[in-house]
């Protein structure tokens, strides 16, 4: 099971996410690879392309990212696009991917 948590700030903008777990045999699941690429691309896009500050942790089966500053239009574009992609991948494997959105106060 791949468990994805999307964290939204009080205004509804994504301010962080967590992806944990694997689907299928380690290293051989297209679903796992798709989710991983989306999560890592968002992290790199925000950090390297937009030069935004983030706290993150990456290891096999565990990726966590949190914006250090308030989300803006560009981070929104990257993170909402990541979520759209993750929901598309989830549609291919409803039992293997769980997405939850957490509203922070």
PDB file of N, CA and C in Angstrom:
ATOM      1  N   UNK A   1       0.839  -1.181   0.000  1.00  0.00           N
ATOM      2  CA  UNK A   1       0.000   0.000   0.000  1.00  0.00           C
ATOM      3  C   UNK A   1       0.882   1.242   0.000  1.00  0.00           C
ATOM      4  N   UNK A   2       0.566   2.183  -0.873  1.00  0.00           N
ATOM      5  CA  UNK A   2       1.217   3.489  -0.876  1.00  0.00           C
ATOM      6  C   UNK A   2       0.245   4.462  -0.213  1.00  0.00           C
ATOM      7  N   UNK A   3       0.699   5.092   0.856  1.00  0.00           N
ATOM      8  CA  UNK A   3      -0.133   6.022   1.609  1.00  0.00           C
ATOM      9  C   UNK A   3       0.397   7.437   1.363  1.00  0.00           C
ATOM     10  N   UNK A   4      -0.456   8.281   0.784  1.00  0.00           N
ATOM     11  CA  UNK A   4      -0.086   9.653   0.457  1.00  0.00           C
ATOM     12  C   UNK A   4      -0.909  10.593   1.321  1.00  0.00           C
ATOM     13  N   UNK A   5      -0.235  11.516   1.978  1.00  0.00           N
ATOM     14  CA  UNK A   5      -0.909  12.550   2.746  1.00  0.00           C
ATOM     15  C   UNK A   5      -0.542  13.894   2.138  1.00  0.00           C
ATOM     16  N   UNK A   6      -1.569  14.678   1.842  1.00  0.00           N
ATOM     17  CA  UNK A   6      -1.400  16.019   1.294  1.00  0.00           C
ATOM     18  C   UNK A   6      -1.804  16.988   2.402  1.00  0.00           C
ATOM     19  N   UNK A   7      -0.906  17.889   2.743  1.00  0.00           N
ATOM     20  CA  UNK A   7      -1.178  18.861   3.802  1.00  0.00           C
ATOM     21  C   UNK A   7      -1.518  20.210   3.179  1.00  0.00           C
ATOM     22  N   UNK A   8      -2.661  20.759   3.581  1.00  0.00           N
ATOM     23  CA  UNK A   8      -3.112  22.054   3.078  1.00  0.00           C
ATOM     24  C   UNK A   8      -3.137  23.062   4.221  1.00  0.00           C
ATOM     25  N   UNK A   9      -2.742  24.301   3.907  1.00  0.00           N
ATOM     26  CA  UNK A   9      -2.779  25.354   4.921  1.00  0.00           C
ATOM     27  C   UNK A   9      -4.206  25.873   5.089  1.00  0.00           C
ATOM     28  N   UNK A  10      -4.378  26.859   5.941  1.00  0.00           N
ATOM     29  CA  UNK A  10      -5.708  27.384   6.251  1.00  0.00           C
ATOM     30  C   UNK A  10      -6.416  27.965   5.030  1.00  0.00           C
ATOM     31  N   UNK A  11      -5.634  28.404   4.027  1.00  0.00           N
ATOM     32  CA  UNK A  11      -6.223  28.953   2.798  1.00  0.00           C
ATOM     33  C   UNK A  11      -6.490  27.873   1.742  1.00  0.00           C
ATOM     34  N   UNK A  12      -6.136  26.631   2.036  1.00  0.00           N
ATOM     35  CA  UNK A  12      -6.386  25.531   1.118  1.00  0.00           C
ATOM     36  C   UNK A  12      -5.249  25.214   0.171  1.00  0.00           C
ATOM     37  N   UNK A  13      -4.104  25.886   0.322  1.00  0.00           N
ATOM     38  CA  UNK A  13      -2.948  25.630  -0.543  1.00  0.00           C
ATOM     39  C   UNK A  13      -2.130  24.461   0.003  1.00  0.00           C
ATOM     40  N   UNK A  14      -1.599  23.647  -0.885  1.00  0.00           N
ATOM     41  CA  UNK A  14      -0.734  22.547  -0.457  1.00  0.00           C
ATOM     42  C   UNK A  14       0.565  23.138   0.097  1.00  0.00           C
ATOM     43  N   UNK A  15       0.894  22.730   1.322  1.00  0.00           N
ATOM     44  CA  UNK A  15       2.117  23.223   1.960  1.00  0.00           C
ATOM     45  C   UNK A  15       3.097  22.091   2.255  1.00  0.00           C
ATOM     46  N   UNK A  16       2.689  20.860   1.970  1.00  0.00           N
ATOM     47  CA  UNK A  16       3.572  19.727   2.169  1.00  0.00           C
ATOM     48  C   UNK A  16       2.886  18.425   1.803  1.00  0.00           C
ATOM     49  N   UNK A  17       3.673  17.356   1.757  1.00  0.00           N
ATOM     50  CA  UNK A  17       3.121  16.035   1.462  1.00  0.00           C
ATOM     51  C   UNK A  17       4.036  14.956   2.006  1.00  0.00           C
ATOM     52  N   UNK A  18       3.452  13.775   2.133  1.00  0.00           N
ATOM     53  CA  UNK A  18       4.168  12.598   2.608  1.00  0.00           C
ATOM     54  C   UNK A  18       3.744  11.413   1.744  1.00  0.00           C
ATOM     55  N   UNK A  19       4.708  10.643   1.310  1.00  0.00           N
ATOM     56  CA  UNK A  19       4.441   9.427   0.540  1.00  0.00           C
ATOM     57  C   UNK A  19       5.182   8.294   1.234  1.00  0.00           C
ATOM     58  N   UNK A  20       4.453   7.259   1.647  1.00  0.00           N
ATOM     59  CA  UNK A  20       5.074   6.159   2.378  1.00  0.00           C
ATOM     60  C   UNK A  20       4.574   4.822   1.849  1.00  0.00           C
ATOM     61  N   UNK A  21       5.470   3.860   1.824  1.00  0.00           N
ATOM     62  CA  UNK A  21       5.102   2.501   1.441  1.00  0.00           C
ATOM     63  C   UNK A  21       5.500   2.153   0.024  1.00  0.00           C
ATOM     64  N   UNK A  22       5.217   0.926  -0.324  1.00  0.00           N
ATOM     65  CA  UNK A  22       5.502   0.383  -1.656  1.00  0.00           C
ATOM     66  C   UNK A  22       4.263  -0.337  -2.161  1.00  0.00           C
ATOM     67  N   UNK A  23       4.227  -0.572  -3.438  1.00  0.00           N
ATOM     68  CA  UNK A  23       3.158  -1.365  -4.040  1.00  0.00           C
ATOM     69  C   UNK A  23       3.808  -2.429  -4.893  1.00  0.00           C
ATOM     70  N   UNK A  24       3.447  -3.680  -4.651  1.00  0.00           N
ATOM     71  CA  UNK A  24       4.020  -4.782  -5.416  1.00  0.00           C
ATOM     72  C   UNK A  24       5.429  -5.104  -4.937  1.00  0.00           C
ATOM     73  N   UNK A  25       6.123  -5.910  -5.720  1.00  0.00           N
ATOM     74  CA  UNK A  25       7.488  -6.296  -5.399  1.00  0.00           C
ATOM     75  C   UNK A  25       8.396  -5.078  -5.527  1.00  0.00           C
ATOM     76  N   UNK A  26       9.231  -4.848  -4.520  1.00  0.00           N
ATOM     77  CA  UNK A  26      10.115  -3.679  -4.492  1.00  0.00           C
ATOM     78  C   UNK A  26      10.905  -3.559  -5.804  1.00  0.00           C
ATOM     79  N   UNK A  27      10.794  -2.406  -6.439  1.00  0.00           N
ATOM     80  CA  UNK A  27      11.552  -2.142  -7.652  1.00  0.00           C
ATOM     81  C   UNK A  27      10.901  -2.593  -8.942  1.00  0.00           C
ATOM     82  N   UNK A  28       9.691  -3.169  -8.878  1.00  0.00           N
ATOM     83  CA  UNK A  28       9.098  -3.690 -10.108  1.00  0.00           C
ATOM     84  C   UNK A  28       7.679  -3.185 -10.375  1.00  0.00           C
ATOM     85  N   UNK A  29       7.165  -2.257  -9.571  1.00  0.00           N
ATOM     86  CA  UNK A  29       5.790  -1.805  -9.718  1.00  0.00           C
ATOM     87  C   UNK A  29       5.730  -0.481 -10.464  1.00  0.00           C
ATOM     88  N   UNK A  30       4.998  -0.459 -11.569  1.00  0.00           N
ATOM     89  CA  UNK A  30       4.828   0.772 -12.336  1.00  0.00           C
ATOM     90  C   UNK A  30       4.030   1.798 -11.536  1.00  0.00           C
ATOM     91  N   UNK A  31       3.096   1.347 -10.707  1.00  0.00           N
ATOM     92  CA  UNK A  31       2.312   2.251  -9.862  1.00  0.00           C
ATOM     93  C   UNK A  31       3.233   2.935  -8.859  1.00  0.00           C
ATOM     94  N   UNK A  32       4.072   2.179  -8.191  1.00  0.00           N
ATOM     95  CA  UNK A  32       5.010   2.729  -7.222  1.00  0.00           C
ATOM     96  C   UNK A  32       5.980   3.701  -7.906  1.00  0.00           C
ATOM     97  N   UNK A  33       6.475   3.306  -9.068  1.00  0.00           N
ATOM     98  CA  UNK A  33       7.399   4.168  -9.798  1.00  0.00           C
ATOM     99  C   UNK A  33       6.727   5.472 -10.214  1.00  0.00           C
ATOM    100  N   UNK A  34       5.479   5.394 -10.663  1.00  0.00           N
ATOM    101  CA  UNK A  34       4.765   6.598 -11.076  1.00  0.00           C
ATOM    102  C   UNK A  34       4.571   7.576  -9.932  1.00  0.00           C
ATOM    103  N   UNK A  35       4.147   7.075  -8.787  1.00  0.00           N
ATOM    104  CA  UNK A  35       3.952   7.929  -7.613  1.00  0.00           C
ATOM    105  C   UNK A  35       5.288   8.529  -7.178  1.00  0.00           C
ATOM    106  N   UNK A  36       6.328   7.719  -7.176  1.00  0.00           N
ATOM    107  CA  UNK A  36       7.651   8.180  -6.766  1.00  0.00           C
ATOM    108  C   UNK A  36       8.173   9.289  -7.678  1.00  0.00           C
ATOM    109  N   UNK A  37       8.021   9.116  -8.977  1.00  0.00           N
ATOM    110  CA  UNK A  37       8.479  10.136  -9.926  1.00  0.00           C
ATOM    111  C   UNK A  37       7.717  11.441  -9.737  1.00  0.00           C
ATOM    112  N   UNK A  38       6.420  11.366  -9.540  1.00  0.00           N
ATOM    113  CA  UNK A  38       5.634  12.577  -9.317  1.00  0.00           C
ATOM    114  C   UNK A  38       6.078  13.299  -8.046  1.00  0.00           C
ATOM    115  N   UNK A  39       6.256  12.561  -6.969  1.00  0.00           N
ATOM    116  CA  UNK A  39       6.649  13.166  -5.690  1.00  0.00           C
ATOM    117  C   UNK A  39       8.047  13.766  -5.759  1.00  0.00           C
ATOM    118  N   UNK A  40       8.983  13.048  -6.357  1.00  0.00           N
ATOM    119  CA  UNK A  40      10.353  13.539  -6.439  1.00  0.00           C
ATOM    120  C   UNK A  40      10.479  14.696  -7.428  1.00  0.00           C
ATOM    121  N   UNK A  41       9.728  14.657  -8.512  1.00  0.00           N
ATOM    122  CA  UNK A  41       9.763  15.762  -9.483  1.00  0.00           C
ATOM    123  C   UNK A  41       9.226  17.047  -8.864  1.00  0.00           C
ATOM    124  N   UNK A  42       8.161  16.948  -8.083  1.00  0.00           N
ATOM    125  CA  UNK A  42       7.623  18.129  -7.406  1.00  0.00           C
ATOM    126  C   UNK A  42       8.661  18.697  -6.441  1.00  0.00           C
ATOM    127  N   UNK A  43       9.306  17.833  -5.671  1.00  0.00           N
ATOM    128  CA  UNK A  43      10.332  18.270  -4.736  1.00  0.00           C
ATOM    129  C   UNK A  43      11.464  18.988  -5.466  1.00  0.00           C
ATOM    130  N   UNK A  44      11.960  18.383  -6.543  1.00  0.00           N
ATOM    131  CA  UNK A  44      13.052  18.993  -7.302  1.00  0.00           C
ATOM    132  C   UNK A  44      12.619  20.266  -8.014  1.00  0.00           C
ATOM    133  N   UNK A  45      11.409  20.292  -8.546  1.00  0.00           N
ATOM    134  CA  UNK A  45      10.918  21.483  -9.212  1.00  0.00           C
ATOM    135  C   UNK A  45      10.834  22.667  -8.272  1.00  0.00           C
ATOM    136  N   UNK A  46      10.343  22.418  -7.066  1.00  0.00           N
ATOM    137  CA  UNK A  46      10.213  23.492  -6.089  1.00  0.00           C
ATOM    138  C   UNK A  46      11.589  23.929  -5.567  1.00  0.00           C
ATOM    139  N   UNK A  47      12.441  22.972  -5.265  1.00  0.00           N
ATOM    140  CA  UNK A  47      13.754  23.305  -4.713  1.00  0.00           C
ATOM    141  C   UNK A  47      14.750  23.814  -5.733  1.00  0.00           C
ATOM    142  N   UNK A  48      14.860  23.125  -6.856  1.00  0.00           N
ATOM    143  CA  UNK A  48      15.890  23.469  -7.836  1.00  0.00           C
ATOM    144  C   UNK A  48      15.429  24.503  -8.863  1.00  0.00           C
ATOM    145  N   UNK A  49      14.220  24.359  -9.381  1.00  0.00           N
ATOM    146  CA  UNK A  49      13.751  25.284 -10.410  1.00  0.00           C
ATOM    147  C   UNK A  49      13.236  26.595  -9.808  1.00  0.00           C
ATOM    148  N   UNK A  50      12.417  26.498  -8.774  1.00  0.00           N
ATOM    149  CA  UNK A  50      11.861  27.700  -8.159  1.00  0.00           C
ATOM    150  C   UNK A  50      12.762  28.275  -7.062  1.00  0.00           C
ATOM    151  N   UNK A  51      13.741  27.506  -6.626  1.00  0.00           N
ATOM    152  CA  UNK A  51      14.670  27.920  -5.554  1.00  0.00           C
ATOM    153  C   UNK A  51      13.944  28.270  -4.255  1.00  0.00           C
ATOM    154  N   UNK A  52      12.906  27.514  -3.953  1.00  0.00           N
ATOM    155  CA  UNK A  52      12.182  27.698  -2.702  1.00  0.00           C
ATOM    156  C   UNK A  52      12.821  26.825  -1.625  1.00  0.00           C
ATOM    157  N   UNK A  53      12.738  27.277  -0.394  1.00  0.00           N
ATOM    158  CA  UNK A  53      13.276  26.524   0.741  1.00  0.00           C
ATOM    159  C   UNK A  53      12.267  25.477   1.181  1.00  0.00           C
ATOM    160  N   UNK A  54      12.749  24.251   1.370  1.00  0.00           N
ATOM    161  CA  UNK A  54      11.891  23.155   1.816  1.00  0.00           C
ATOM    162  C   UNK A  54      12.620  22.320   2.859  1.00  0.00           C
ATOM    163  N   UNK A  55      11.858  21.721   3.742  1.00  0.00           N
ATOM    164  CA  UNK A  55      12.354  20.650   4.602  1.00  0.00           C
ATOM    165  C   UNK A  55      11.932  19.364   3.923  1.00  0.00           C
ATOM    166  N   UNK A  56      12.843  18.403   3.813  1.00  0.00           N
ATOM    167  CA  UNK A  56      12.468  17.142   3.180  1.00  0.00           C
ATOM    168  C   UNK A  56      13.280  15.986   3.730  1.00  0.00           C
ATOM    169  N   UNK A  57      12.730  14.804   3.515  1.00  0.00           N
ATOM    170  CA  UNK A  57      13.368  13.546   3.892  1.00  0.00           C
ATOM    171  C   UNK A  57      13.054  12.558   2.775  1.00  0.00           C
ATOM    172  N   UNK A  58      14.093  11.905   2.257  1.00  0.00           N
ATOM    173  CA  UNK A  58      13.893  10.927   1.188  1.00  0.00           C
ATOM    174  C   UNK A  58      14.689   9.672   1.509  1.00  0.00           C
ATOM    175  N   UNK A  59      14.000   8.542   1.489  1.00  0.00           N
ATOM    176  CA  UNK A  59      14.646   7.231   1.543  1.00  0.00           C
ATOM    177  C   UNK A  59      13.683   6.233   0.919  1.00  0.00           C
ATOM    178  N   UNK A  60      14.129   5.035   0.711  1.00  0.00           N
ATOM    179  CA  UNK A  60      13.287   4.049   0.039  1.00  0.00           C
ATOM    180  C   UNK A  60      11.946   3.893   0.757  1.00  0.00           C
ATOM    181  N   UNK A  61      10.877   4.142   0.028  1.00  0.00           N
ATOM    182  CA  UNK A  61       9.539   3.965   0.579  1.00  0.00           C
ATOM    183  C   UNK A  61       9.065   5.087   1.478  1.00  0.00           C
ATOM    184  N   UNK A  62       9.802   6.214   1.522  1.00  0.00           N
ATOM    185  CA  UNK A  62       9.418   7.309   2.409  1.00  0.00           C
ATOM    186  C   UNK A  62       9.935   8.636   1.858  1.00  0.00           C
ATOM    187  N   UNK A  63       9.016   9.520   1.500  1.00  0.00           N
ATOM    188  CA  UNK A  63       9.380  10.863   1.053  1.00  0.00           C
ATOM    189  C   UNK A  63       8.450  11.849   1.746  1.00  0.00           C
ATOM    190  N   UNK A  64       9.047  12.817   2.416  1.00  0.00           N
ATOM    191  CA  UNK A  64       8.270  13.863   3.074  1.00  0.00           C
ATOM    192  C   UNK A  64       8.822  15.210   2.656  1.00  0.00           C
ATOM    193  N   UNK A  65       7.918  16.153   2.372  1.00  0.00           N
ATOM    194  CA  UNK A  65       8.325  17.492   1.976  1.00  0.00           C
ATOM    195  C   UNK A  65       7.414  18.509   2.626  1.00  0.00           C
ATOM    196  N   UNK A  66       8.004  19.603   3.071  1.00  0.00           N
ATOM    197  CA  UNK A  66       7.237  20.695   3.675  1.00  0.00           C
ATOM    198  C   UNK A  66       7.871  22.013   3.215  1.00  0.00           C
ATOM    199  N   UNK A  67       7.039  22.901   2.678  1.00  0.00           N
ATOM    200  CA  UNK A  67       7.518  24.235   2.319  1.00  0.00           C
ATOM    201  C   UNK A  67       7.907  24.986   3.586  1.00  0.00           C
ATOM    202  N   UNK A  68       9.021  25.698   3.548  1.00  0.00           N
ATOM    203  CA  UNK A  68       9.417  26.504   4.704  1.00  0.00           C
ATOM    204  C   UNK A  68       8.679  27.837   4.717  1.00  0.00           C
ATOM    205  N   UNK A  69       8.324  28.323   3.534  1.00  0.00           N
ATOM    206  CA  UNK A  69       7.610  29.594   3.416  1.00  0.00           C
ATOM    207  C   UNK A  69       6.186  29.342   2.957  1.00  0.00           C
ATOM    208  N   UNK A  70       5.401  30.380   2.948  1.00  0.00           N
ATOM    209  CA  UNK A  70       4.000  30.291   2.522  1.00  0.00           C
ATOM    210  C   UNK A  70       3.926  29.880   1.044  1.00  0.00           C
ATOM    211  N   UNK A  71       2.986  29.000   0.685  1.00  0.00           N
ATOM    212  CA  UNK A  71       2.819  28.628  -0.726  1.00  0.00           C
ATOM    213  C   UNK A  71       2.483  29.857  -1.576  1.00  0.00           C
ATOM    214  N   UNK A  72       2.897  29.815  -2.840  1.00  0.00           N
ATOM    215  CA  UNK A  72       2.570  30.892  -3.770  1.00  0.00           C
ATOM    216  C   UNK A  72       2.018  30.276  -5.056  1.00  0.00           C
ATOM    217  N   UNK A  73       1.739  31.091  -6.044  1.00  0.00           N
ATOM    218  CA  UNK A  73       1.123  30.605  -7.285  1.00  0.00           C
ATOM    219  C   UNK A  73       1.985  29.549  -7.983  1.00  0.00           C
ATOM    220  N   UNK A  74       3.299  29.705  -7.947  1.00  0.00           N
ATOM    221  CA  UNK A  74       4.173  28.747  -8.634  1.00  0.00           C
ATOM    222  C   UNK A  74       4.281  27.423  -7.878  1.00  0.00           C
ATOM    223  N   UNK A  75       4.407  27.479  -6.555  1.00  0.00           N
ATOM    224  CA  UNK A  75       4.437  26.220  -5.804  1.00  0.00           C
ATOM    225  C   UNK A  75       3.081  25.532  -5.906  1.00  0.00           C
ATOM    226  N   UNK A  76       2.006  26.326  -5.907  1.00  0.00           N
ATOM    227  CA  UNK A  76       0.660  25.767  -6.102  1.00  0.00           C
ATOM    228  C   UNK A  76       0.567  25.001  -7.415  1.00  0.00           C
ATOM    229  N   UNK A  77       1.072  25.595  -8.482  1.00  0.00           N
ATOM    230  CA  UNK A  77       0.994  24.954  -9.803  1.00  0.00           C
ATOM    231  C   UNK A  77       1.704  23.603  -9.786  1.00  0.00           C
ATOM    232  N   UNK A  78       2.888  23.557  -9.217  1.00  0.00           N
ATOM    233  CA  UNK A  78       3.637  22.298  -9.176  1.00  0.00           C
ATOM    234  C   UNK A  78       2.936  21.272  -8.296  1.00  0.00           C
ATOM    235  N   UNK A  79       2.526  21.671  -7.102  1.00  0.00           N
ATOM    236  CA  UNK A  79       1.950  20.712  -6.155  1.00  0.00           C
ATOM    237  C   UNK A  79       0.561  20.235  -6.560  1.00  0.00           C
ATOM    238  N   UNK A  80      -0.256  21.112  -7.101  1.00  0.00           N
ATOM    239  CA  UNK A  80      -1.585  20.680  -7.564  1.00  0.00           C
ATOM    240  C   UNK A  80      -1.458  19.765  -8.785  1.00  0.00           C
ATOM    241  N   UNK A  81      -0.475  20.039  -9.651  1.00  0.00           N
ATOM    242  CA  UNK A  81      -0.230  19.157 -10.805  1.00  0.00           C
ATOM    243  C   UNK A  81       0.250  17.786 -10.329  1.00  0.00           C
ATOM    244  N   UNK A  82       1.130  17.762  -9.322  1.00  0.00           N
ATOM    245  CA  UNK A  82       1.566  16.493  -8.740  1.00  0.00           C
ATOM    246  C   UNK A  82       0.365  15.704  -8.242  1.00  0.00           C
ATOM    247  N   UNK A  83      -0.539  16.371  -7.518  1.00  0.00           N
ATOM    248  CA  UNK A  83      -1.722  15.702  -6.965  1.00  0.00           C
ATOM    249  C   UNK A  83      -2.634  15.175  -8.069  1.00  0.00           C
ATOM    250  N   UNK A  84      -2.818  15.929  -9.135  1.00  0.00           N
ATOM    251  CA  UNK A  84      -3.619  15.445 -10.275  1.00  0.00           C
ATOM    252  C   UNK A  84      -3.016  14.151 -10.815  1.00  0.00           C
ATOM    253  N   UNK A  85      -1.694  14.134 -10.993  1.00  0.00           N
ATOM    254  CA  UNK A  85      -1.017  12.932 -11.484  1.00  0.00           C
ATOM    255  C   UNK A  85      -1.157  11.762 -10.536  1.00  0.00           C
ATOM    256  N   UNK A  86      -1.023  12.027  -9.248  1.00  0.00           N
ATOM    257  CA  UNK A  86      -1.166  10.954  -8.259  1.00  0.00           C
ATOM    258  C   UNK A  86      -2.573  10.371  -8.266  1.00  0.00           C
ATOM    259  N   UNK A  87      -3.581  11.224  -8.409  1.00  0.00           N
ATOM    260  CA  UNK A  87      -4.957  10.730  -8.475  1.00  0.00           C
ATOM    261  C   UNK A  87      -5.179   9.907  -9.737  1.00  0.00           C
ATOM    262  N   UNK A  88      -4.539  10.276 -10.844  1.00  0.00           N
ATOM    263  CA  UNK A  88      -4.630   9.472 -12.063  1.00  0.00           C
ATOM    264  C   UNK A  88      -4.009   8.096 -11.855  1.00  0.00           C
ATOM    265  N   UNK A  89      -2.838   8.054 -11.225  1.00  0.00           N
ATOM    266  CA  UNK A  89      -2.188   6.768 -10.938  1.00  0.00           C
ATOM    267  C   UNK A  89      -3.056   5.960  -9.979  1.00  0.00           C
ATOM    268  N   UNK A  90      -3.635   6.601  -8.972  1.00  0.00           N
ATOM    269  CA  UNK A  90      -4.511   5.912  -8.033  1.00  0.00           C
ATOM    270  C   UNK A  90      -5.678   5.256  -8.775  1.00  0.00           C
ATOM    271  N   UNK A  91      -6.179   5.905  -9.808  1.00  0.00           N
ATOM    272  CA  UNK A  91      -7.281   5.358 -10.584  1.00  0.00           C
ATOM    273  C   UNK A  91      -6.948   4.033 -11.247  1.00  0.00           C
ATOM    274  N   UNK A  92      -5.663   3.780 -11.452  1.00  0.00           N
ATOM    275  CA  UNK A  92      -5.224   2.507 -12.041  1.00  0.00           C
ATOM    276  C   UNK A  92      -5.106   1.398 -10.997  1.00  0.00           C
ATOM    277  N   UNK A  93      -5.064   1.767  -9.721  1.00  0.00           N
ATOM    278  CA  UNK A  93      -4.853   0.789  -8.653  1.00  0.00           C
ATOM    279  C   UNK A  93      -5.488   1.305  -7.363  1.00  0.00           C
ATOM    280  N   UNK A  94      -6.817   1.272  -7.292  1.00  0.00           N
ATOM    281  CA  UNK A  94      -7.540   1.841  -6.154  1.00  0.00           C
ATOM    282  C   UNK A  94      -7.210   1.166  -4.827  1.00  0.00           C
ATOM    283  N   UNK A  95      -6.850  -0.118  -4.862  1.00  0.00           N
ATOM    284  CA  UNK A  95      -6.542  -0.836  -3.625  1.00  0.00           C
ATOM    285  C   UNK A  95      -5.103  -0.632  -3.177  1.00  0.00           C
ATOM    286  N   UNK A  96      -4.264  -0.117  -4.069  1.00  0.00           N
ATOM    287  CA  UNK A  96      -2.849   0.006  -3.744  1.00  0.00           C
ATOM    288  C   UNK A  96      -2.382   1.399  -3.394  1.00  0.00           C
ATOM    289  N   UNK A  97      -3.227   2.407  -3.632  1.00  0.00           N
ATOM    290  CA  UNK A  97      -2.840   3.793  -3.371  1.00  0.00           C
ATOM    291  C   UNK A  97      -3.956   4.478  -2.587  1.00  0.00           C
ATOM    292  N   UNK A  98      -3.595   5.065  -1.457  1.00  0.00           N
ATOM    293  CA  UNK A  98      -4.561   5.806  -0.644  1.00  0.00           C
ATOM    294  C   UNK A  98      -4.071   7.252  -0.542  1.00  0.00           C
ATOM    295  N   UNK A  99      -4.939   8.196  -0.912  1.00  0.00           N
ATOM    296  CA  UNK A  99      -4.614   9.619  -0.829  1.00  0.00           C
ATOM    297  C   UNK A  99      -5.546  10.270   0.177  1.00  0.00           C
ATOM    298  N   UNK A 100      -4.978  10.962   1.133  1.00  0.00           N
ATOM    299  CA  UNK A 100      -5.796  11.723   2.078  1.00  0.00           C
ATOM    300  C   UNK A 100      -5.288  13.160   2.121  1.00  0.00           C
ATOM    301  N   UNK A 101      -6.216  14.079   2.255  1.00  0.00           N
ATOM    302  CA  UNK A 101      -5.873  15.495   2.337  1.00  0.00           C
ATOM    303  C   UNK A 101      -6.182  15.975   3.745  1.00  0.00           C
ATOM    304  N   UNK A 102      -5.219  16.640   4.333  1.00  0.00           N
ATOM    305  CA  UNK A 102      -5.318  17.089   5.720  1.00  0.00           C
ATOM    306  C   UNK A 102      -5.292  18.617   5.744  1.00  0.00           C
ATOM    307  N   UNK A 103      -6.366  19.187   6.249  1.00  0.00           N
ATOM    308  CA  UNK A 103      -6.473  20.646   6.370  1.00  0.00           C
ATOM    309  C   UNK A 103      -5.848  21.062   7.693  1.00  0.00           C
ATOM    310  N   UNK A 104      -4.843  21.907   7.620  1.00  0.00           N
ATOM    311  CA  UNK A 104      -4.197  22.420   8.831  1.00  0.00           C
ATOM    312  C   UNK A 104      -4.835  23.735   9.223  1.00  0.00           C
ATOM    313  N   UNK A 105      -4.801  24.020  10.487  1.00  0.00           N
ATOM    314  CA  UNK A 105      -5.413  25.262  10.978  1.00  0.00           C
ATOM    315  C   UNK A 105      -4.332  26.271  11.276  1.00  0.00           C
TER     316      UNK A 105
END
